[in-house]
Amino acid sequence: MTDDAPGADLMYPLALRVAGRRVVVVGGGPVAARRTRGLVEAGADVRVVAPDAVGEITLLDATGAVRWERREYRTGDLDGAWLVHTATGRSEVDAAVQADADADRIWCVRAADARAASAWVPAVARVDDVVVAVNAGGDPRRAVTLRDAVAELLRGGRLPLRRQRTAAGAAVGTTIGSADRSAAGAPGAVTGAIGSVALVGGGPGDPDLLTVRGRQLLAEADVVVVDRLAPRAVLTELSADVVVVDVGKSPGHHAVPQHRINALLVEHALAGRRVVRLKGGDPYVFGRGSEEAAVCREAGVAVEIVPGVTSAVSVPAAAGIPVTHRGISRGFTVITGHDDVGAIPAAEDHTVVLLMGVSTLARTCRALMAAGRPGHTPVGIVEDGYGPGQRVTTGTLATIAQRAAQVGVQSPAVTVIGGVVRLAPAWAQQGGAPAPLPALTTAR
């Protein structure tokens, strides 16, 4: 098709299944090599015609992946072909290939002159089993820029990757009313197919701290089983027909017991659904993720673990408190406030991080002092880390329980015990003496 031919700028987008079919590539340079590689990956029977070729084509020929004819193109080379790519860098040769292709009614891609070709190759990206193909009016750099932008959104879970149909064409079922309703008998369950479960760590609550893999799995999910401290803002990005099951636990109140949560994950997965268990922090840091994974595996359900940014480290960091610092703390221990703290190292250069310990704070402080921690040890409590209500309260082991009661500290909160608390801006603001920092040394 010439530039002035009717419909020169019109295009009908199409995906071709070339597996097992003859495709001819004319030319042996880098562009021809890229075309050849893609065709081989698609399973085509590839024949390359060129007097010389780059290393990739010679290697493919040596391994039998393609057949390379070491000569110039001649009429008849397209016999039996379904498609031809010409990229010789010589306009007269490409035009001859185009003319032969048109005469034989074979689609022809011309790398150097897309407007004269009968077919175009778009800029392509593959994300999971989704293929993104972009044509941009004959401007390849524009097409690549657009392709990369869309692919990045897909990889980051910003666009919906969720399947609406199974490979067999049946609709994926998603209609479940509540946590107490049986998933296996729900409308739309996919008979005979087993789904999967992903235990996704959501981080401390800020959706921007959710991992790329976590977002991608959410974009593909049929069911999301969510905790109270998970980044719930991401739920608004889900499709309207994705089932969201709220199993959030608050201190002293477990509306959905753990054994029922385990059963829900298995029931939904056995009904053929992709399930995301969205947790706060990291699934394996006081998140009971290992228990849920074991139950799923025992039921024959595939499980993926996606780590999250644990609140034990990230929430103190949000308040300017490092859990380790040269010359102040050489290590740290993370425990829940419900545990026996007597065995925790009492050394002043060891930080203790308490999770879920607001209601037992006074008892924990007494136990730490009884185990050898001085009463003047700095303590910092960070409420609602990364949230709109973030607040830091500081004191010492001897005073922090009273201060917390006075200001009304509430969960969720992370408590840090050790000299690193002096590095927090709130420590100085609330009257504490700054931490003595080690002198800087110059490496020799």
Protein backbone atom coordinates (compact mmCIF):
# COMPACT_ATOMS: atom_id res chain seq x y z
CA MET A 1 0.00 0.00 0.00
CA THR A 2 1.50 3.35 -1.03
CA ASP A 3 1.26 6.57 0.96
CA ASP A 4 -1.44 7.98 -1.31
CA ALA A 5 -3.49 4.79 -1.48
CA PRO A 6 -7.00 4.86 0.02
CA GLY A 7 -6.88 3.79 3.67
CA ALA A 8 -3.12 4.17 4.01
CA ASP A 9 -3.53 5.37 7.59
CA LEU A 10 -6.31 2.96 8.54
CA MET A 11 -5.57 -0.20 10.48
CA TYR A 12 -7.45 -3.22 11.78
CA PRO A 13 -5.74 -4.48 14.98
CA LEU A 14 -5.34 -8.24 15.07
CA ALA A 15 -3.42 -10.92 16.99
CA LEU A 16 -2.01 -13.78 14.92
CA ARG A 17 -1.50 -17.36 16.04
CA VAL A 18 1.62 -18.30 14.06
CA ALA A 19 2.62 -21.47 15.92
CA GLY A 20 3.61 -24.14 13.38
CA ARG A 21 3.06 -21.80 10.42
CA ARG A 22 5.75 -20.65 7.97
CA VAL A 23 6.97 -17.06 8.46
CA VAL A 24 9.77 -15.62 6.34
CA VAL A 25 12.19 -12.95 7.64
CA VAL A 26 14.18 -11.19 4.93
CA GLY A 27 17.32 -9.56 6.33
CA GLY A 28 19.92 -10.47 8.93
CA GLY A 29 20.52 -7.33 10.96
CA PRO A 30 19.48 -6.36 14.51
CA VAL A 31 15.89 -5.50 13.52
CA ALA A 32 15.49 -8.80 11.71
CA ALA A 33 16.94 -10.56 14.76
CA ARG A 34 14.32 -8.98 17.05
CA ARG A 35 11.54 -10.05 14.70
CA THR A 36 13.00 -13.55 14.46
CA ARG A 37 13.27 -13.90 18.24
CA GLY A 38 9.64 -12.94 18.76
CA LEU A 39 8.45 -15.32 16.07
CA VAL A 40 10.44 -18.21 17.53
CA GLU A 41 8.95 -17.49 20.96
CA ALA A 42 5.49 -17.62 19.35
CA GLY A 43 6.25 -21.06 17.91
CA ALA A 44 6.45 -20.07 14.24
CA ASP A 45 8.29 -22.07 11.58
CA VAL A 46 10.81 -19.33 10.76
CA ARG A 47 12.88 -19.09 7.60
CA VAL A 48 15.52 -16.32 7.38
CA VAL A 49 16.82 -15.15 3.99
CA ALA A 50 19.98 -13.00 4.11
CA PRO A 51 23.58 -13.25 2.85
CA ASP A 52 24.90 -12.27 6.29
CA ALA A 53 23.38 -12.29 9.77
CA VAL A 54 24.08 -11.10 13.31
CA GLY A 55 25.12 -13.54 16.00
CA GLU A 56 21.64 -14.15 17.39
CA ILE A 57 20.34 -15.40 14.06
CA THR A 58 23.40 -17.60 13.49
CA LEU A 59 22.90 -19.12 16.95
CA LEU A 60 19.20 -19.78 16.30
CA ASP A 61 20.14 -21.43 13.03
CA ALA A 62 22.82 -23.54 14.69
CA THR A 63 20.35 -24.81 17.28
CA GLY A 64 17.70 -25.58 14.68
CA ALA A 65 15.26 -22.95 15.93
CA VAL A 66 15.22 -21.27 12.48
CA ARG A 67 16.35 -22.14 8.95
CA TRP A 68 18.77 -19.59 7.51
CA GLU A 69 19.20 -19.29 3.72
CA ARG A 70 22.61 -17.61 3.25
CA ARG A 71 21.89 -15.61 0.09
CA GLU A 72 20.00 -12.65 -1.34
CA TYR A 73 16.22 -12.70 -1.54
CA ARG A 74 14.59 -13.98 -4.72
CA THR A 75 11.04 -14.43 -5.94
CA GLY A 76 9.67 -17.75 -4.74
CA ASP A 77 11.10 -17.47 -1.21
CA LEU A 78 7.60 -16.71 0.09
CA ASP A 79 6.08 -19.97 -1.15
CA GLY A 80 4.06 -21.53 1.69
CA ALA A 81 4.43 -18.48 3.97
CA TRP A 82 1.61 -16.97 6.01
CA LEU A 83 3.54 -13.82 6.92
CA VAL A 84 6.75 -12.06 5.91
CA HIS A 85 8.94 -9.50 7.67
CA THR A 86 11.42 -7.61 5.54
CA ALA A 87 14.19 -5.59 7.20
CA THR A 88 17.11 -5.49 4.80
CA GLY A 89 17.90 -1.78 5.02
CA ARG A 90 17.67 -1.64 1.18
CA SER A 91 14.47 -0.06 -0.08
CA GLU A 92 14.58 -1.79 -3.47
CA VAL A 93 14.78 -5.25 -1.85
CA ASP A 94 12.05 -4.47 0.68
CA ALA A 95 9.84 -3.17 -2.15
CA ALA A 96 10.41 -6.38 -4.13
CA VAL A 97 9.46 -8.49 -1.11
CA GLN A 98 6.34 -6.35 -0.63
CA ALA A 99 5.35 -6.77 -4.29
CA ASP A 100 5.75 -10.55 -4.15
CA ALA A 101 3.79 -10.70 -0.89
CA ASP A 102 0.94 -8.63 -2.30
CA ALA A 103 0.81 -10.85 -5.40
CA ASP A 104 0.57 -13.97 -3.23
CA ARG A 105 -1.84 -12.34 -0.70
CA ILE A 106 0.65 -12.67 2.17
CA TRP A 107 0.75 -10.04 4.89
CA CYS A 108 4.04 -8.13 4.78
CA VAL A 109 5.74 -6.10 7.53
CA ARG A 110 8.29 -3.54 6.28
CA ALA A 111 10.53 -2.39 9.13
CA ALA A 112 11.76 0.72 7.31
CA ASP A 113 8.44 1.87 5.83
CA ALA A 114 5.37 1.02 7.87
CA ARG A 115 3.07 3.16 5.70
CA ALA A 116 3.96 1.14 2.61
CA ALA A 117 3.52 -2.20 4.40
CA SER A 118 0.35 -4.30 4.56
CA ALA A 119 0.98 -5.14 8.23
CA TRP A 120 2.54 -3.43 11.25
CA VAL A 121 4.21 -4.81 14.34
CA PRO A 122 3.09 -2.92 17.47
CA ALA A 123 5.15 -2.21 20.55
CA VAL A 124 4.43 -5.23 22.74
CA ALA A 125 4.69 -6.01 26.46
CA ARG A 126 3.54 -9.13 28.30
CA VAL A 127 2.29 -9.00 31.89
CA ASP A 128 1.14 -12.35 33.25
CA ASP A 129 -0.97 -13.67 30.34
CA VAL A 130 -1.99 -10.19 29.19
CA VAL A 131 -0.46 -8.84 25.98
CA VAL A 132 -0.25 -5.07 25.57
CA ALA A 133 0.15 -3.99 21.93
CA VAL A 134 0.39 -0.32 20.94
CA ASN A 135 0.38 1.25 17.49
CA ALA A 136 0.94 5.00 17.41
CA GLY A 137 0.45 6.31 13.90
CA GLY A 138 3.75 5.04 12.60
CA ASP A 139 5.77 6.64 15.42
CA PRO A 140 7.63 3.72 17.09
CA ARG A 141 9.11 5.76 19.95
CA ARG A 142 5.69 7.10 20.83
CA ALA A 143 4.30 3.55 20.76
CA VAL A 144 7.08 2.27 23.02
CA THR A 145 6.53 5.09 25.52
CA LEU A 146 2.81 4.36 25.70
CA ARG A 147 3.39 0.61 25.93
CA ASP A 148 5.83 1.00 28.81
CA ALA A 149 3.44 3.29 30.70
CA VAL A 150 0.53 0.84 30.40
CA ALA A 151 2.74 -2.14 31.26
CA GLU A 152 4.02 -0.36 34.37
CA LEU A 153 0.46 0.28 35.53
CA LEU A 154 -0.38 -3.38 35.01
CA ARG A 155 2.72 -4.63 36.80
CA GLY A 156 2.03 -2.25 39.67
CA GLY A 157 -1.56 -3.45 40.05
CA ARG A 158 -2.94 -0.05 39.07
CA LEU A 159 -5.03 -1.60 36.28
CA PRO A 160 -7.36 -4.60 36.72
CA LEU A 161 -5.72 -7.89 35.78
CA ARG A 162 -8.52 -9.98 37.24
CA ARG A 163 -9.86 -12.72 34.97
CA GLN A 164 -13.51 -12.45 34.06
CA ARG A 165 -13.58 -15.87 32.39
CA THR A 166 -11.73 -19.15 32.84
CA ALA A 167 -9.62 -20.64 30.08
CA ALA A 168 -12.66 -22.70 29.09
CA GLY A 169 -14.76 -19.54 28.76
CA ALA A 170 -16.86 -19.89 31.92
CA ALA A 171 -17.43 -16.78 34.01
CA VAL A 172 -15.42 -16.58 37.21
CA GLY A 173 -17.75 -16.64 40.21
CA THR A 174 -17.51 -13.87 42.77
CA THR A 175 -20.85 -13.51 44.51
CA ILE A 176 -20.45 -14.16 48.24
CA GLY A 177 -22.48 -12.29 50.81
CA SER A 178 -20.54 -12.53 54.08
CA ALA A 179 -17.78 -14.21 56.01
CA ASP A 180 -20.19 -16.86 57.28
CA ARG A 181 -21.48 -17.92 53.87
CA SER A 182 -20.03 -21.08 52.31
CA ALA A 183 -17.78 -20.27 49.41
CA ALA A 184 -18.03 -23.70 47.87
CA GLY A 185 -21.77 -23.40 47.32
CA ALA A 186 -21.80 -19.76 46.26
CA PRO A 187 -23.24 -18.69 42.91
CA GLY A 188 -20.70 -18.65 40.13
CA ALA A 189 -18.24 -21.11 41.68
CA VAL A 190 -15.96 -22.64 39.05
CA THR A 191 -16.55 -26.37 39.11
CA GLY A 192 -13.52 -28.62 38.91
CA ALA A 193 -10.92 -25.85 39.15
CA ILE A 194 -8.80 -25.06 42.20
CA GLY A 195 -7.92 -21.46 42.81
CA SER A 196 -5.10 -20.06 44.89
CA VAL A 197 -4.36 -18.05 48.02
CA ALA A 198 -1.86 -15.22 48.35
CA LEU A 199 -0.91 -14.01 51.83
CA VAL A 200 -0.06 -10.37 51.16
CA GLY A 201 1.68 -8.17 53.69
CA GLY A 202 0.16 -4.72 53.39
CA GLY A 203 2.74 -2.82 55.42
CA PRO A 204 1.92 -0.33 58.18
CA GLY A 205 -1.25 0.98 56.52
CA ASP A 206 -0.08 3.50 53.94
CA PRO A 207 -1.13 2.09 50.52
CA ASP A 208 2.04 3.54 48.96
CA LEU A 209 4.07 1.08 51.07
CA LEU A 210 2.30 -1.95 49.62
CA THR A 211 4.62 -3.94 47.36
CA VAL A 212 4.23 -4.03 43.59
CA ARG A 213 3.55 -7.77 43.74
CA GLY A 214 0.88 -7.21 46.36
CA ARG A 215 -0.90 -4.66 44.17
CA GLN A 216 -0.71 -6.96 41.18
CA LEU A 217 -2.31 -9.83 43.08
CA LEU A 218 -5.06 -7.53 44.34
CA ALA A 219 -5.75 -6.48 40.76
CA GLU A 220 -6.21 -10.17 39.85
CA ALA A 221 -8.21 -11.19 42.94
CA ASP A 222 -11.74 -12.57 43.01
CA VAL A 223 -11.90 -12.49 46.82
CA VAL A 224 -10.04 -10.31 49.32
CA VAL A 225 -10.02 -11.31 52.99
CA VAL A 226 -8.86 -8.21 54.83
CA ASP A 227 -7.55 -7.41 58.31
CA ARG A 228 -8.32 -4.30 60.34
CA LEU A 229 -4.79 -2.89 60.04
CA ALA A 230 -4.34 -3.61 56.33
CA PRO A 231 -4.10 -0.68 53.86
CA ARG A 232 -7.85 -0.48 53.27
CA ALA A 233 -7.57 2.44 50.87
CA VAL A 234 -6.57 -0.02 48.13
CA LEU A 235 -9.96 -1.71 48.39
CA THR A 236 -11.53 1.24 46.58
CA GLU A 237 -9.44 0.32 43.51
CA LEU A 238 -11.02 -3.14 43.20
CA SER A 239 -13.68 -4.02 40.67
CA ALA A 240 -17.21 -3.74 42.01
CA ASP A 241 -17.79 -7.51 41.80
CA VAL A 242 -14.71 -8.48 43.82
CA VAL A 243 -15.82 -9.97 47.12
CA VAL A 244 -14.33 -8.26 50.19
CA VAL A 245 -14.59 -10.24 53.43
CA ASP A 246 -13.76 -8.19 56.54
CA VAL A 247 -12.24 -10.32 59.29
CA GLY A 248 -10.65 -7.47 61.23
CA LYS A 249 -9.74 -8.07 64.85
CA SER A 250 -9.61 -5.39 67.50
CA PRO A 251 -8.11 -5.82 70.98
CA GLY A 252 -10.35 -8.22 72.91
CA HIS A 253 -12.79 -8.62 70.02
CA HIS A 254 -12.35 -11.28 67.35
CA ALA A 255 -15.58 -11.17 65.34
CA VAL A 256 -14.31 -13.87 62.96
CA PRO A 257 -12.19 -16.45 64.81
CA GLN A 258 -8.98 -17.69 63.24
CA HIS A 259 -10.31 -21.16 62.45
CA ARG A 260 -13.12 -19.58 60.44
CA ILE A 261 -10.65 -17.36 58.56
CA ASN A 262 -8.64 -20.48 57.68
CA ALA A 263 -11.78 -22.21 56.44
CA LEU A 264 -12.81 -19.20 54.32
CA LEU A 265 -9.48 -19.15 52.51
CA VAL A 266 -9.72 -22.84 51.68
CA GLU A 267 -13.42 -22.75 50.71
CA HIS A 268 -13.00 -19.86 48.29
CA ALA A 269 -9.87 -21.36 46.72
CA LEU A 270 -11.47 -24.80 46.30
CA ALA A 271 -14.37 -23.03 44.58
CA GLY A 272 -11.89 -21.90 41.92
CA ARG A 273 -11.23 -18.34 43.06
CA ARG A 274 -8.07 -16.28 43.39
CA VAL A 275 -7.96 -15.26 47.03
CA VAL A 276 -5.84 -12.51 48.55
CA ARG A 277 -5.46 -12.48 52.32
CA LEU A 278 -4.53 -8.84 52.89
CA LYS A 279 -2.79 -8.31 56.21
CA GLY A 280 -1.20 -5.41 58.02
CA GLY A 281 2.59 -5.47 58.27
CA ASP A 282 4.19 -8.76 57.24
CA PRO A 283 2.27 -12.08 57.18
CA TYR A 284 5.04 -13.86 59.08
CA VAL A 285 5.59 -11.26 61.83
CA PHE A 286 2.85 -11.94 64.40
CA GLY A 287 0.43 -12.24 61.50
CA ARG A 288 -0.45 -15.96 61.76
CA GLY A 289 0.49 -16.26 58.13
CA SER A 290 2.35 -19.53 58.63
CA GLU A 291 -0.77 -21.08 60.19
CA GLU A 292 -2.95 -19.99 57.28
CA ALA A 293 -0.40 -21.19 54.74
CA ALA A 294 -0.21 -24.61 56.41
CA VAL A 295 -3.99 -25.03 56.37
CA CYS A 296 -4.16 -24.14 52.67
CA ARG A 297 -1.37 -26.49 51.70
CA GLU A 298 -2.97 -29.35 53.65
CA ALA A 299 -6.10 -28.77 51.55
CA GLY A 300 -4.10 -28.87 48.30
CA VAL A 301 -4.37 -25.14 47.67
CA ALA A 302 -1.38 -23.30 46.19
CA VAL A 303 -0.12 -20.50 48.45
CA GLU A 304 2.06 -17.49 47.64
CA ILE A 305 3.67 -15.44 50.40
CA VAL A 306 4.20 -11.76 49.66
CA PRO A 307 6.25 -10.08 52.39
CA GLY A 308 5.25 -6.69 53.70
CA VAL A 309 6.97 -3.81 55.47
CA THR A 310 6.63 -4.81 59.11
CA SER A 311 5.28 -2.16 61.47
CA ALA A 312 7.93 -3.22 64.00
CA VAL A 313 10.53 -1.33 61.96
CA SER A 314 8.54 1.03 59.73
CA VAL A 315 6.33 2.68 62.36
CA PRO A 316 9.26 3.68 64.60
CA ALA A 317 11.00 4.97 61.46
CA ALA A 318 7.97 7.15 60.69
CA ALA A 319 8.58 8.84 64.03
CA GLY A 320 12.32 9.20 63.45
CA ILE A 321 13.30 6.26 65.64
CA PRO A 322 15.78 3.75 64.17
CA VAL A 323 15.70 0.36 65.82
CA THR A 324 19.51 0.20 65.53
CA HIS A 325 22.09 2.96 65.47
CA ARG A 326 25.86 2.84 65.60
CA GLY A 327 27.09 3.39 69.13
CA ILE A 328 23.58 3.22 70.63
CA SER A 329 21.94 -0.09 69.65
CA ARG A 330 23.52 -3.15 68.10
CA GLY A 331 20.34 -5.23 67.80
CA PHE A 332 16.65 -5.41 68.52
CA THR A 333 13.96 -7.83 69.61
CA VAL A 334 10.33 -7.74 68.48
CA ILE A 335 7.73 -9.18 70.83
CA THR A 336 4.05 -8.75 71.57
CA GLY A 337 3.06 -6.98 74.74
CA HIS A 338 1.35 -10.17 75.87
CA ASP A 339 4.54 -12.18 76.10
CA ASP A 340 6.79 -12.80 79.08
CA VAL A 341 9.47 -10.15 78.64
CA GLY A 342 11.76 -11.39 81.38
CA ALA A 343 14.01 -13.25 78.95
CA ILE A 344 14.63 -10.24 76.70
CA PRO A 345 18.29 -9.08 76.73
CA ALA A 346 18.70 -6.34 79.34
CA ALA A 347 21.77 -4.72 77.76
CA GLU A 348 21.37 -0.99 77.15
CA ASP A 349 22.54 -1.38 73.54
CA HIS A 350 19.64 -3.70 72.68
CA THR A 351 16.32 -2.22 71.50
CA VAL A 352 12.99 -3.81 72.39
CA VAL A 353 9.99 -3.29 70.10
CA LEU A 354 6.53 -4.11 71.46
CA LEU A 355 3.56 -4.80 69.22
CA MET A 356 -0.02 -5.01 70.46
CA GLY A 357 1.00 -4.01 73.96
CA VAL A 358 -0.98 -0.90 74.92
CA SER A 359 -3.27 -2.56 77.46
CA THR A 360 -0.38 -4.35 79.21
CA LEU A 361 2.17 -1.53 79.03
CA ALA A 362 2.49 -0.94 82.79
CA ARG A 363 3.03 -4.64 83.47
CA THR A 364 5.59 -4.90 80.65
CA CYS A 365 7.59 -1.95 81.96
CA ARG A 366 7.68 -3.42 85.47
CA ALA A 367 8.84 -6.77 84.09
CA LEU A 368 11.64 -5.17 82.07
CA MET A 369 12.88 -3.20 85.08
CA ALA A 370 12.73 -6.34 87.21
CA ALA A 371 14.85 -8.09 84.56
CA GLY A 372 17.57 -5.42 84.86
CA ARG A 373 16.58 -2.52 82.61
CA PRO A 374 17.16 0.85 84.33
CA GLY A 375 14.06 2.90 85.06
CA HIS A 376 15.52 5.84 83.07
CA THR A 377 15.59 3.78 79.82
CA PRO A 378 13.89 5.87 77.09
CA VAL A 379 10.54 4.69 75.73
CA GLY A 380 8.60 5.94 72.71
CA ILE A 381 5.06 5.01 71.69
CA VAL A 382 3.99 5.65 68.10
CA GLU A 383 0.23 5.54 67.49
CA ASP A 384 -1.34 5.15 64.03
CA GLY A 385 2.01 5.09 62.23
CA TYR A 386 1.79 6.63 58.75
CA GLY A 387 -1.90 7.36 59.39
CA PRO A 388 -3.70 10.67 59.84
CA GLY A 389 -3.66 10.27 63.61
CA GLN A 390 0.06 9.55 64.01
CA ARG A 391 1.25 10.67 67.43
CA VAL A 392 4.40 10.04 69.43
CA THR A 393 4.53 9.90 73.23
CA THR A 394 7.88 9.59 75.00
CA GLY A 395 9.01 8.85 78.52
CA THR A 396 11.03 6.27 80.43
CA LEU A 397 10.32 2.81 81.70
CA ALA A 398 9.43 4.40 85.04
CA THR A 399 7.09 7.07 83.61
CA ILE A 400 5.72 5.97 80.24
CA ALA A 401 2.71 4.02 81.51
CA GLN A 402 1.44 7.05 83.42
CA ARG A 403 2.07 9.39 80.49
CA ALA A 404 0.31 7.04 78.09
CA ALA A 405 -2.72 6.93 80.36
CA GLN A 406 -2.76 10.73 80.66
CA VAL A 407 -2.80 11.33 76.91
CA GLY A 408 -5.05 8.36 76.12
CA VAL A 409 -2.74 6.23 73.99
CA GLN A 410 -4.73 3.73 71.92
CA SER A 411 -4.09 0.87 69.53
CA PRO A 412 -2.71 0.45 66.96
CA ALA A 413 0.56 1.51 68.52
CA VAL A 414 4.18 0.39 68.47
CA THR A 415 6.34 0.85 71.56
CA VAL A 416 10.13 1.21 71.33
CA ILE A 417 12.34 0.78 74.39
CA GLY A 418 15.99 1.78 74.32
CA GLY A 419 18.45 4.60 73.76
CA VAL A 420 17.43 4.99 70.10
CA VAL A 421 14.26 6.75 71.27
CA ARG A 422 16.41 9.81 72.08
CA LEU A 423 16.96 10.24 68.33
CA ALA A 424 13.28 10.96 67.73
CA PRO A 425 12.31 14.64 67.33
CA ALA A 426 9.47 14.06 69.82
CA TRP A 427 11.98 13.12 72.55
CA ALA A 428 13.55 16.58 72.56
CA GLN A 429 10.18 18.29 72.04
CA GLN A 430 8.84 16.57 75.14
CA GLY A 431 11.80 17.58 77.29
CA GLY A 432 14.19 14.68 76.95
CA ALA A 433 17.97 15.03 76.78
CA PRO A 434 19.51 14.24 73.36
CA ALA A 435 21.38 11.00 72.79
CA PRO A 436 25.20 11.15 72.83
CA LEU A 437 26.20 10.23 69.27
CA PRO A 438 29.48 8.48 68.42
CA ALA A 439 32.19 10.56 66.77
CA LEU A 440 32.48 10.14 63.03
CA THR A 441 35.60 8.40 61.80
CA THR A 442 37.26 8.60 58.42
CA ALA A 443 37.93 5.31 56.69
CA ARG A 444 41.55 4.80 55.76
